């Protein structure tokens, strides 16, 4: 009996010298594809959906043709200084290693579940505005400052468990505006003003359609935010994101200028004109600013 056992041990030792240990290792997780989604539990019974933004390099900013159109159509032929902050030279090229970005702007229901406070939003269904009487759980949370966003992110990071969902260690953050613009463009380059093309009149995104862009006819103006994802079928994003144009300005992590404490917001909003919803448009606010057209989207940046 002892001799037989020793013989078996010898066989296994011999196999161990021949067979690579990698053959017995668990298979590595598949690399996510552009637009693949993951769900992360942010509170009991509440999950936030994230889309995979793939690695790549893209030119940021608006090209000369877009700037000329804005100057002659919206600015009555007078070039404004803010165009210099969004041109191709100023913005440069951005290379992404890949990251996860919230499919939607943070919703009112998500904010309440995580922060355990009253809803700060103006369009909460109770006030005397265009959303009165509506169920707004899936409307984006607004009237939040850059600092308020940091409190929300801190709570998410303290939950733990993100590495198991996203396939690597990282942190929940506000996106840098370069990441944000790269994601907005969806691999379509910067030769178009919006990821779907060069026209907007309130049909493709929630904005003030009374001032159309790109020769479109006047369109709709809701005069309020809309439930997240309401425009997904009208202007599907290549990587699955919703409302990166319009609905709410989205806080970004970085400063507007190196010499300024103002933080960047991107994407335009329900109350702003169509040209402000362009991928290239930049706007800066003091980080304590709160209003009914400012919200945010969560990024999970892998280490």
C-alpha atoms as a PDB file:
ATOM      1  CA  UNK A   1       0.000   0.000   0.000  1.00  0.00           C
ATOM      2  CA  UNK A   2       2.794   2.426   0.958  1.00  0.00           C
ATOM      3  CA  UNK A   3       4.706   1.556  -2.189  1.00  0.00           C
ATOM      4  CA  UNK A   4       1.647   2.262  -4.362  1.00  0.00           C
ATOM      5  CA  UNK A   5       1.111   5.655  -2.775  1.00  0.00           C
ATOM      6  CA  UNK A   6       4.744   6.582  -3.295  1.00  0.00           C
ATOM      7  CA  UNK A   7       4.479   5.541  -6.912  1.00  0.00           C
ATOM      8  CA  UNK A   8       1.485   7.845  -7.461  1.00  0.00           C
ATOM      9  CA  UNK A   9       3.354  10.733  -5.874  1.00  0.00           C
ATOM     10  CA  UNK A  10       6.186  10.117  -8.288  1.00  0.00           C
ATOM     11  CA  UNK A  11       3.815  10.235 -11.245  1.00  0.00           C
ATOM     12  CA  UNK A  12       2.326  13.578 -10.152  1.00  0.00           C
ATOM     13  CA  UNK A  13       5.769  15.042  -9.568  1.00  0.00           C
ATOM     14  CA  UNK A  14       6.833  13.966 -13.035  1.00  0.00           C
ATOM     15  CA  UNK A  15       3.721  15.520 -14.563  1.00  0.00           C
ATOM     16  CA  UNK A  16       4.390  18.742 -12.683  1.00  0.00           C
ATOM     17  CA  UNK A  17       7.757  18.980 -14.384  1.00  0.00           C
ATOM     18  CA  UNK A  18       6.195  18.497 -17.820  1.00  0.00           C
ATOM     19  CA  UNK A  19       2.959  20.465 -17.579  1.00  0.00           C
ATOM     20  CA  UNK A  20       3.070  24.242 -17.165  1.00  0.00           C
ATOM     21  CA  UNK A  21       1.307  25.620 -14.060  1.00  0.00           C
ATOM     22  CA  UNK A  22      -0.504  28.090 -16.340  1.00  0.00           C
ATOM     23  CA  UNK A  23      -2.597  25.202 -17.637  1.00  0.00           C
ATOM     24  CA  UNK A  24      -4.251  24.931 -14.243  1.00  0.00           C
ATOM     25  CA  UNK A  25      -4.728  28.669 -13.694  1.00  0.00           C
ATOM     26  CA  UNK A  26      -8.161  30.280 -14.009  1.00  0.00           C
ATOM     27  CA  UNK A  27      -8.690  31.819 -17.478  1.00  0.00           C
ATOM     28  CA  UNK A  28      -8.052  35.561 -17.658  1.00  0.00           C
ATOM     29  CA  UNK A  29     -11.219  37.665 -17.980  1.00  0.00           C
ATOM     30  CA  UNK A  30     -12.032  38.614 -21.551  1.00  0.00           C
ATOM     31  CA  UNK A  31     -11.162  42.154 -22.608  1.00  0.00           C
ATOM     32  CA  UNK A  32     -14.418  44.137 -22.663  1.00  0.00           C
ATOM     33  CA  UNK A  33     -15.708  45.333 -26.009  1.00  0.00           C
ATOM     34  CA  UNK A  34     -16.670  48.972 -26.701  1.00  0.00           C
ATOM     35  CA  UNK A  35     -20.036  49.626 -25.111  1.00  0.00           C
ATOM     36  CA  UNK A  36     -20.039  46.516 -22.913  1.00  0.00           C
ATOM     37  CA  UNK A  37     -21.783  47.251 -19.625  1.00  0.00           C
ATOM     38  CA  UNK A  38     -21.243  46.392 -15.983  1.00  0.00           C
ATOM     39  CA  UNK A  39     -23.584  46.992 -13.063  1.00  0.00           C
ATOM     40  CA  UNK A  40     -22.220  48.133  -9.717  1.00  0.00           C
ATOM     41  CA  UNK A  41     -24.367  48.106  -6.589  1.00  0.00           C
ATOM     42  CA  UNK A  42     -24.177  51.618  -5.152  1.00  0.00           C
ATOM     43  CA  UNK A  43     -26.759  51.091  -2.393  1.00  0.00           C
ATOM     44  CA  UNK A  44     -29.050  48.298  -1.256  1.00  0.00           C
ATOM     45  CA  UNK A  45     -31.134  47.327  -4.277  1.00  0.00           C
ATOM     46  CA  UNK A  46     -29.706  50.122  -6.460  1.00  0.00           C
ATOM     47  CA  UNK A  47     -27.275  49.451  -9.318  1.00  0.00           C
ATOM     48  CA  UNK A  48     -25.477  51.955 -11.535  1.00  0.00           C
ATOM     49  CA  UNK A  49     -24.748  50.968 -15.147  1.00  0.00           C
ATOM     50  CA  UNK A  50     -21.313  51.657 -16.652  1.00  0.00           C
ATOM     51  CA  UNK A  51     -20.181  51.437 -20.296  1.00  0.00           C
ATOM     52  CA  UNK A  52     -16.699  50.422 -21.414  1.00  0.00           C
ATOM     53  CA  UNK A  53     -14.877  53.238 -23.173  1.00  0.00           C
ATOM     54  CA  UNK A  54     -12.146  51.491 -25.178  1.00  0.00           C
ATOM     55  CA  UNK A  55      -8.470  52.382 -25.518  1.00  0.00           C
ATOM     56  CA  UNK A  56      -7.523  54.654 -28.393  1.00  0.00           C
ATOM     57  CA  UNK A  57      -6.268  58.044 -29.507  1.00  0.00           C
ATOM     58  CA  UNK A  58      -8.374  60.928 -30.773  1.00  0.00           C
ATOM     59  CA  UNK A  59      -8.006  64.558 -31.790  1.00  0.00           C
ATOM     60  CA  UNK A  60      -9.937  66.805 -29.416  1.00  0.00           C
ATOM     61  CA  UNK A  61     -11.395  70.260 -29.989  1.00  0.00           C
ATOM     62  CA  UNK A  62     -13.226  71.901 -32.868  1.00  0.00           C
ATOM     63  CA  UNK A  63     -11.658  72.155 -36.344  1.00  0.00           C
ATOM     64  CA  UNK A  64     -11.499  75.390 -38.324  1.00  0.00           C
ATOM     65  CA  UNK A  65     -14.655  74.620 -40.337  1.00  0.00           C
ATOM     66  CA  UNK A  66     -16.715  74.262 -37.151  1.00  0.00           C
ATOM     67  CA  UNK A  67     -15.253  77.446 -35.688  1.00  0.00           C
ATOM     68  CA  UNK A  68     -15.963  79.373 -38.896  1.00  0.00           C
ATOM     69  CA  UNK A  69     -19.559  78.150 -38.890  1.00  0.00           C
ATOM     70  CA  UNK A  70     -20.050  79.283 -35.287  1.00  0.00           C
ATOM     71  CA  UNK A  71     -18.485  82.682 -35.993  1.00  0.00           C
ATOM     72  CA  UNK A  72     -20.650  83.440 -39.011  1.00  0.00           C
ATOM     73  CA  UNK A  73     -23.904  81.821 -37.869  1.00  0.00           C
ATOM     74  CA  UNK A  74     -24.125  82.300 -34.102  1.00  0.00           C
ATOM     75  CA  UNK A  75     -21.682  85.129 -33.413  1.00  0.00           C
ATOM     76  CA  UNK A  76     -22.681  87.542 -36.205  1.00  0.00           C
ATOM     77  CA  UNK A  77     -19.254  87.360 -37.810  1.00  0.00           C
ATOM     78  CA  UNK A  78     -17.292  88.334 -34.690  1.00  0.00           C
ATOM     79  CA  UNK A  79     -14.901  85.681 -33.438  1.00  0.00           C
ATOM     80  CA  UNK A  80     -15.084  85.244 -29.662  1.00  0.00           C
ATOM     81  CA  UNK A  81     -12.099  84.487 -27.439  1.00  0.00           C
ATOM     82  CA  UNK A  82     -13.682  81.338 -25.999  1.00  0.00           C
ATOM     83  CA  UNK A  83     -13.229  79.656 -29.370  1.00  0.00           C
ATOM     84  CA  UNK A  84      -9.465  79.741 -28.779  1.00  0.00           C
ATOM     85  CA  UNK A  85      -9.939  77.518 -25.724  1.00  0.00           C
ATOM     86  CA  UNK A  86     -11.588  74.772 -27.749  1.00  0.00           C
ATOM     87  CA  UNK A  87      -9.613  74.755 -31.001  1.00  0.00           C
ATOM     88  CA  UNK A  88      -7.563  71.747 -32.045  1.00  0.00           C
ATOM     89  CA  UNK A  89      -4.212  73.299 -31.133  1.00  0.00           C
ATOM     90  CA  UNK A  90      -5.308  74.174 -27.606  1.00  0.00           C
ATOM     91  CA  UNK A  91      -6.961  70.819 -26.973  1.00  0.00           C
ATOM     92  CA  UNK A  92      -4.458  68.485 -28.637  1.00  0.00           C
ATOM     93  CA  UNK A  93      -4.737  64.720 -28.922  1.00  0.00           C
ATOM     94  CA  UNK A  94      -5.797  62.355 -26.167  1.00  0.00           C
ATOM     95  CA  UNK A  95      -4.798  58.732 -25.696  1.00  0.00           C
ATOM     96  CA  UNK A  96      -6.980  56.547 -23.494  1.00  0.00           C
ATOM     97  CA  UNK A  97      -6.021  53.300 -21.783  1.00  0.00           C
ATOM     98  CA  UNK A  98      -9.721  52.498 -21.512  1.00  0.00           C
ATOM     99  CA  UNK A  99     -12.095  53.254 -18.639  1.00  0.00           C
ATOM    100  CA  UNK A 100     -15.664  52.757 -17.464  1.00  0.00           C
ATOM    101  CA  UNK A 101     -18.146  55.629 -17.646  1.00  0.00           C
ATOM    102  CA  UNK A 102     -21.678  55.869 -16.327  1.00  0.00           C
ATOM    103  CA  UNK A 103     -24.186  55.093 -19.053  1.00  0.00           C
ATOM    104  CA  UNK A 104     -26.437  57.779 -17.581  1.00  0.00           C
ATOM    105  CA  UNK A 105     -26.071  60.977 -15.636  1.00  0.00           C
ATOM    106  CA  UNK A 106     -26.473  60.244 -11.918  1.00  0.00           C
ATOM    107  CA  UNK A 107     -30.191  59.953 -11.241  1.00  0.00           C
ATOM    108  CA  UNK A 108     -32.192  61.480  -8.427  1.00  0.00           C
ATOM    109  CA  UNK A 109     -33.044  58.038  -7.048  1.00  0.00           C
ATOM    110  CA  UNK A 110     -29.369  57.077  -7.039  1.00  0.00           C
ATOM    111  CA  UNK A 111     -28.366  60.272  -5.266  1.00  0.00           C
ATOM    112  CA  UNK A 112     -30.939  59.795  -2.508  1.00  0.00           C
ATOM    113  CA  UNK A 113     -30.038  56.113  -2.047  1.00  0.00           C
ATOM    114  CA  UNK A 114     -26.316  56.837  -1.650  1.00  0.00           C
ATOM    115  CA  UNK A 115     -26.374  60.158   0.192  1.00  0.00           C
ATOM    116  CA  UNK A 116     -29.443  59.436   2.349  1.00  0.00           C
ATOM    117  CA  UNK A 117     -30.532  63.075   2.155  1.00  0.00           C
ATOM    118  CA  UNK A 118     -33.432  64.967   0.652  1.00  0.00           C
ATOM    119  CA  UNK A 119     -33.494  65.389  -3.106  1.00  0.00           C
ATOM    120  CA  UNK A 120     -31.697  68.663  -3.974  1.00  0.00           C
ATOM    121  CA  UNK A 121     -33.167  68.830  -7.491  1.00  0.00           C
ATOM    122  CA  UNK A 122     -35.371  71.627  -8.755  1.00  0.00           C
ATOM    123  CA  UNK A 123     -37.151  69.252 -11.121  1.00  0.00           C
ATOM    124  CA  UNK A 124     -38.163  66.791  -8.404  1.00  0.00           C
ATOM    125  CA  UNK A 125     -41.840  66.493  -9.323  1.00  0.00           C
ATOM    126  CA  UNK A 126     -43.101  68.609  -6.406  1.00  0.00           C
ATOM    127  CA  UNK A 127     -42.220  72.179  -7.354  1.00  0.00           C
ATOM    128  CA  UNK A 128     -44.198  74.457  -9.628  1.00  0.00           C
ATOM    129  CA  UNK A 129     -42.327  73.829 -12.858  1.00  0.00           C
ATOM    130  CA  UNK A 130     -42.622  71.728 -16.019  1.00  0.00           C
ATOM    131  CA  UNK A 131     -41.887  68.514 -14.085  1.00  0.00           C
ATOM    132  CA  UNK A 132     -44.589  69.001 -11.455  1.00  0.00           C
ATOM    133  CA  UNK A 133     -46.536  65.814 -10.798  1.00  0.00           C
ATOM    134  CA  UNK A 134     -44.026  63.616 -12.624  1.00  0.00           C
ATOM    135  CA  UNK A 135     -42.159  60.674 -11.089  1.00  0.00           C
ATOM    136  CA  UNK A 136     -38.556  61.865 -11.267  1.00  0.00           C
ATOM    137  CA  UNK A 137     -36.607  58.979  -9.750  1.00  0.00           C
ATOM    138  CA  UNK A 138     -34.879  58.431 -13.108  1.00  0.00           C
ATOM    139  CA  UNK A 139     -34.451  62.123 -13.878  1.00  0.00           C
ATOM    140  CA  UNK A 140     -30.863  63.316 -13.449  1.00  0.00           C
ATOM    141  CA  UNK A 141     -30.006  64.881 -10.116  1.00  0.00           C
ATOM    142  CA  UNK A 142     -29.206  68.586 -10.467  1.00  0.00           C
ATOM    143  CA  UNK A 143     -28.530  71.553  -8.263  1.00  0.00           C
ATOM    144  CA  UNK A 144     -25.339  69.826  -7.065  1.00  0.00           C
ATOM    145  CA  UNK A 145     -21.910  71.449  -6.817  1.00  0.00           C
ATOM    146  CA  UNK A 146     -18.525  70.004  -7.747  1.00  0.00           C
ATOM    147  CA  UNK A 147     -17.933  69.463  -4.040  1.00  0.00           C
ATOM    148  CA  UNK A 148     -21.258  67.638  -3.677  1.00  0.00           C
ATOM    149  CA  UNK A 149     -20.126  65.296  -6.437  1.00  0.00           C
ATOM    150  CA  UNK A 150     -16.953  64.529  -4.457  1.00  0.00           C
ATOM    151  CA  UNK A 151     -19.059  63.507  -1.448  1.00  0.00           C
ATOM    152  CA  UNK A 152     -21.038  61.107  -3.644  1.00  0.00           C
ATOM    153  CA  UNK A 153     -17.849  59.622  -5.110  1.00  0.00           C
ATOM    154  CA  UNK A 154     -16.324  59.200  -1.649  1.00  0.00           C
ATOM    155  CA  UNK A 155     -19.349  57.142  -0.609  1.00  0.00           C
ATOM    156  CA  UNK A 156     -19.007  54.923  -3.696  1.00  0.00           C
ATOM    157  CA  UNK A 157     -15.307  54.329  -3.117  1.00  0.00           C
ATOM    158  CA  UNK A 158     -15.944  53.364   0.481  1.00  0.00           C
ATOM    159  CA  UNK A 159     -18.328  50.568  -0.550  1.00  0.00           C
ATOM    160  CA  UNK A 160     -15.593  48.345  -1.946  1.00  0.00           C
ATOM    161  CA  UNK A 161     -16.053  45.460  -4.360  1.00  0.00           C
ATOM    162  CA  UNK A 162     -15.473  47.462  -7.528  1.00  0.00           C
ATOM    163  CA  UNK A 163     -12.441  45.427  -8.656  1.00  0.00           C
ATOM    164  CA  UNK A 164     -14.564  42.302  -8.926  1.00  0.00           C
ATOM    165  CA  UNK A 165     -17.085  44.088 -11.132  1.00  0.00           C
ATOM    166  CA  UNK A 166     -14.728  46.018 -13.394  1.00  0.00           C
ATOM    167  CA  UNK A 167     -11.895  43.501 -13.651  1.00  0.00           C
ATOM    168  CA  UNK A 168      -9.235  45.610 -11.979  1.00  0.00           C
ATOM    169  CA  UNK A 169      -8.400  47.994  -9.158  1.00  0.00           C
ATOM    170  CA  UNK A 170      -9.428  51.609  -9.615  1.00  0.00           C
ATOM    171  CA  UNK A 171     -11.428  54.503  -8.221  1.00  0.00           C
ATOM    172  CA  UNK A 172     -14.716  56.263  -8.858  1.00  0.00           C
ATOM    173  CA  UNK A 173     -13.983  59.814 -10.003  1.00  0.00           C
ATOM    174  CA  UNK A 174     -15.357  62.615 -12.102  1.00  0.00           C
ATOM    175  CA  UNK A 175     -13.971  62.227 -15.616  1.00  0.00           C
ATOM    176  CA  UNK A 176     -11.246  64.575 -16.783  1.00  0.00           C
ATOM    177  CA  UNK A 177     -12.683  66.615 -19.634  1.00  0.00           C
ATOM    178  CA  UNK A 178     -10.309  64.888 -22.085  1.00  0.00           C
ATOM    179  CA  UNK A 179     -11.792  61.525 -21.079  1.00  0.00           C
ATOM    180  CA  UNK A 180     -15.267  63.021 -21.285  1.00  0.00           C
ATOM    181  CA  UNK A 181     -14.794  64.395 -24.812  1.00  0.00           C
ATOM    182  CA  UNK A 182     -13.106  61.217 -26.003  1.00  0.00           C
ATOM    183  CA  UNK A 183     -16.098  59.230 -24.735  1.00  0.00           C
ATOM    184  CA  UNK A 184     -18.648  61.687 -26.181  1.00  0.00           C
ATOM    185  CA  UNK A 185     -17.152  61.386 -29.671  1.00  0.00           C
ATOM    186  CA  UNK A 186     -17.486  57.612 -29.595  1.00  0.00           C
ATOM    187  CA  UNK A 187     -14.660  56.944 -32.029  1.00  0.00           C
ATOM    188  CA  UNK A 188     -16.218  59.147 -34.717  1.00  0.00           C
ATOM    189  CA  UNK A 189     -13.448  61.765 -34.765  1.00  0.00           C
ATOM    190  CA  UNK A 190     -13.801  65.534 -34.448  1.00  0.00           C
ATOM    191  CA  UNK A 191     -14.974  66.261 -37.977  1.00  0.00           C
ATOM    192  CA  UNK A 192     -18.569  66.467 -36.728  1.00  0.00           C
ATOM    193  CA  UNK A 193     -20.040  68.720 -34.062  1.00  0.00           C
ATOM    194  CA  UNK A 194     -22.026  65.945 -32.367  1.00  0.00           C
ATOM    195  CA  UNK A 195     -21.354  62.231 -32.274  1.00  0.00           C
ATOM    196  CA  UNK A 196     -24.353  61.621 -34.549  1.00  0.00           C
ATOM    197  CA  UNK A 197     -23.575  64.366 -37.088  1.00  0.00           C
ATOM    198  CA  UNK A 198     -23.794  68.132 -37.583  1.00  0.00           C
ATOM    199  CA  UNK A 199     -27.404  69.089 -36.858  1.00  0.00           C
ATOM    200  CA  UNK A 200     -29.354  69.530 -33.630  1.00  0.00           C
ATOM    201  CA  UNK A 201     -32.756  71.063 -32.956  1.00  0.00           C
ATOM    202  CA  UNK A 202     -33.890  69.442 -29.722  1.00  0.00           C
ATOM    203  CA  UNK A 203     -34.845  66.157 -31.378  1.00  0.00           C
ATOM    204  CA  UNK A 204     -31.560  64.330 -30.791  1.00  0.00           C
ATOM    205  CA  UNK A 205     -30.877  65.747 -27.315  1.00  0.00           C
ATOM    206  CA  UNK A 206     -32.675  67.715 -24.600  1.00  0.00           C
ATOM    207  CA  UNK A 207     -31.805  71.373 -25.210  1.00  0.00           C
ATOM    208  CA  UNK A 208     -33.353  74.623 -26.394  1.00  0.00           C
ATOM    209  CA  UNK A 209     -34.398  73.697 -29.913  1.00  0.00           C
ATOM    210  CA  UNK A 210     -35.545  77.232 -30.697  1.00  0.00           C
ATOM    211  CA  UNK A 211     -31.960  77.898 -31.781  1.00  0.00           C
ATOM    212  CA  UNK A 212     -31.121  75.013 -34.140  1.00  0.00           C
ATOM    213  CA  UNK A 213     -27.644  74.076 -35.306  1.00  0.00           C
ATOM    214  CA  UNK A 214     -26.462  73.070 -38.758  1.00  0.00           C
ATOM    215  CA  UNK A 215     -29.389  74.342 -40.798  1.00  0.00           C
ATOM    216  CA  UNK A 216     -32.050  72.275 -39.025  1.00  0.00           C
ATOM    217  CA  UNK A 217     -35.544  73.689 -38.529  1.00  0.00           C
ATOM    218  CA  UNK A 218     -36.646  74.879 -35.100  1.00  0.00           C
ATOM    219  CA  UNK A 219     -37.369  71.971 -32.806  1.00  0.00           C
ATOM    220  CA  UNK A 220     -38.593  71.134 -29.336  1.00  0.00           C
ATOM    221  CA  UNK A 221     -37.821  72.808 -26.019  1.00  0.00           C
ATOM    222  CA  UNK A 222     -39.049  70.890 -22.946  1.00  0.00           C
ATOM    223  CA  UNK A 223     -38.070  73.627 -20.487  1.00  0.00           C
ATOM    224  CA  UNK A 224     -37.022  70.918 -18.005  1.00  0.00           C
ATOM    225  CA  UNK A 225     -34.771  67.908 -17.616  1.00  0.00           C
ATOM    226  CA  UNK A 226     -35.882  64.558 -19.031  1.00  0.00           C
ATOM    227  CA  UNK A 227     -35.679  60.992 -17.776  1.00  0.00           C
ATOM    228  CA  UNK A 228     -32.225  59.633 -18.552  1.00  0.00           C
ATOM    229  CA  UNK A 229     -32.075  57.659 -21.776  1.00  0.00           C
ATOM    230  CA  UNK A 230     -35.098  59.377 -23.309  1.00  0.00           C
ATOM    231  CA  UNK A 231     -33.130  60.194 -26.471  1.00  0.00           C
ATOM    232  CA  UNK A 232     -31.255  56.911 -26.832  1.00  0.00           C
ATOM    233  CA  UNK A 233     -33.387  55.627 -29.718  1.00  0.00           C
ATOM    234  CA  UNK A 234     -33.227  58.970 -31.542  1.00  0.00           C
ATOM    235  CA  UNK A 235     -29.456  59.361 -31.316  1.00  0.00           C
ATOM    236  CA  UNK A 236     -27.845  56.061 -30.266  1.00  0.00           C
ATOM    237  CA  UNK A 237     -24.283  56.472 -29.069  1.00  0.00           C
ATOM    238  CA  UNK A 238     -21.591  54.157 -30.521  1.00  0.00           C
ATOM    239  CA  UNK A 239     -20.468  53.101 -27.026  1.00  0.00           C
ATOM    240  CA  UNK A 240     -23.891  53.064 -25.370  1.00  0.00           C
ATOM    241  CA  UNK A 241     -23.813  56.359 -23.458  1.00  0.00           C
ATOM    242  CA  UNK A 242     -26.951  58.455 -22.995  1.00  0.00           C
ATOM    243  CA  UNK A 243     -27.428  62.223 -22.676  1.00  0.00           C
ATOM    244  CA  UNK A 244     -23.779  63.213 -23.088  1.00  0.00           C
ATOM    245  CA  UNK A 245     -25.286  66.004 -25.185  1.00  0.00           C
ATOM    246  CA  UNK A 246     -27.927  68.077 -23.433  1.00  0.00           C
ATOM    247  CA  UNK A 247     -30.096  67.352 -20.393  1.00  0.00           C
ATOM    248  CA  UNK A 248     -27.492  68.640 -17.883  1.00  0.00           C
ATOM    249  CA  UNK A 249     -24.054  70.198 -17.918  1.00  0.00           C
ATOM    250  CA  UNK A 250     -21.748  67.558 -16.455  1.00  0.00           C
ATOM    251  CA  UNK A 251     -19.052  68.423 -13.934  1.00  0.00           C
ATOM    252  CA  UNK A 252     -15.537  67.304 -14.879  1.00  0.00           C
ATOM    253  CA  UNK A 253     -12.584  66.879 -12.556  1.00  0.00           C
ATOM    254  CA  UNK A 254     -10.116  69.400 -13.980  1.00  0.00           C
ATOM    255  CA  UNK A 255      -9.801  73.188 -13.913  1.00  0.00           C
ATOM    256  CA  UNK A 256     -11.046  75.267 -16.843  1.00  0.00           C
ATOM    257  CA  UNK A 257      -7.713  77.083 -17.113  1.00  0.00           C
ATOM    258  CA  UNK A 258      -4.438  76.549 -15.260  1.00  0.00           C
ATOM    259  CA  UNK A 259      -4.765  80.081 -13.896  1.00  0.00           C
ATOM    260  CA  UNK A 260      -8.353  79.573 -12.721  1.00  0.00           C
ATOM    261  CA  UNK A 261     -10.041  77.660  -9.911  1.00  0.00           C
ATOM    262  CA  UNK A 262     -13.144  77.196 -12.065  1.00  0.00           C
ATOM    263  CA  UNK A 263     -13.994  73.587 -12.863  1.00  0.00           C
ATOM    264  CA  UNK A 264     -15.015  72.417 -16.314  1.00  0.00           C
ATOM    265  CA  UNK A 265     -18.570  71.440 -17.220  1.00  0.00           C
ATOM    266  CA  UNK A 266     -19.353  69.851 -20.557  1.00  0.00           C
ATOM    267  CA  UNK A 267     -22.271  68.806 -22.748  1.00  0.00           C
ATOM    268  CA  UNK A 268     -24.810  71.629 -22.587  1.00  0.00           C
ATOM    269  CA  UNK A 269     -28.191  71.308 -20.894  1.00  0.00           C
ATOM    270  CA  UNK A 270     -31.957  71.446 -21.228  1.00  0.00           C
ATOM    271  CA  UNK A 271     -31.954  75.265 -21.037  1.00  0.00           C
ATOM    272  CA  UNK A 272     -28.981  76.073 -23.285  1.00  0.00           C
ATOM    273  CA  UNK A 273     -28.777  76.513 -27.040  1.00  0.00           C
ATOM    274  CA  UNK A 274     -27.812  73.707 -29.397  1.00  0.00           C
ATOM    275  CA  UNK A 275     -24.291  74.968 -30.091  1.00  0.00           C
ATOM    276  CA  UNK A 276     -23.387  74.518 -26.423  1.00  0.00           C
ATOM    277  CA  UNK A 277     -24.146  70.795 -26.727  1.00  0.00           C
ATOM    278  CA  UNK A 278     -21.273  70.261 -29.176  1.00  0.00           C
ATOM    279  CA  UNK A 279     -18.552  67.783 -28.245  1.00  0.00           C
ATOM    280  CA  UNK A 280     -15.887  70.505 -28.240  1.00  0.00           C
ATOM    281  CA  UNK A 281     -17.649  73.210 -26.212  1.00  0.00           C
ATOM    282  CA  UNK A 282     -16.070  74.042 -22.832  1.00  0.00           C
ATOM    283  CA  UNK A 283     -17.519  76.031 -19.955  1.00  0.00           C
ATOM    284  CA  UNK A 284     -16.122  76.838 -16.505  1.00  0.00           C
ATOM    285  CA  UNK A 285     -17.820  77.318 -13.131  1.00  0.00           C
ATOM    286  CA  UNK A 286     -16.724  77.938  -9.560  1.00  0.00           C
ATOM    287  CA  UNK A 287     -16.795  74.561  -7.773  1.00  0.00           C
ATOM    288  CA  UNK A 288     -19.435  75.718  -5.259  1.00  0.00           C
ATOM    289  CA  UNK A 289     -21.922  76.560  -8.009  1.00  0.00           C
ATOM    290  CA  UNK A 290     -25.329  74.868  -7.814  1.00  0.00           C
ATOM    291  CA  UNK A 291     -28.125  75.270 -10.326  1.00  0.00           C
ATOM    292  CA  UNK A 292     -30.873  73.314 -12.042  1.00  0.00           C
ATOM    293  CA  UNK A 293     -28.802  72.663 -15.163  1.00  0.00           C
ATOM    294  CA  UNK A 294     -25.678  71.158 -13.533  1.00  0.00           C
ATOM    295  CA  UNK A 295     -25.249  67.456 -12.808  1.00  0.00           C
ATOM    296  CA  UNK A 296     -22.599  64.779 -13.288  1.00  0.00           C
ATOM    297  CA  UNK A 297     -21.640  61.354 -14.579  1.00  0.00           C
ATOM    298  CA  UNK A 298     -19.392  58.868 -12.733  1.00  0.00           C
ATOM    299  CA  UNK A 299     -16.172  57.475 -14.175  1.00  0.00           C
ATOM    300  CA  UNK A 300     -14.401  54.343 -12.894  1.00  0.00           C
ATOM    301  CA  UNK A 301     -10.754  54.813 -13.783  1.00  0.00           C
ATOM    302  CA  UNK A 302      -8.604  51.707 -13.617  1.00  0.00           C
ATOM    303  CA  UNK A 303      -5.226  52.078 -11.902  1.00  0.00           C
END
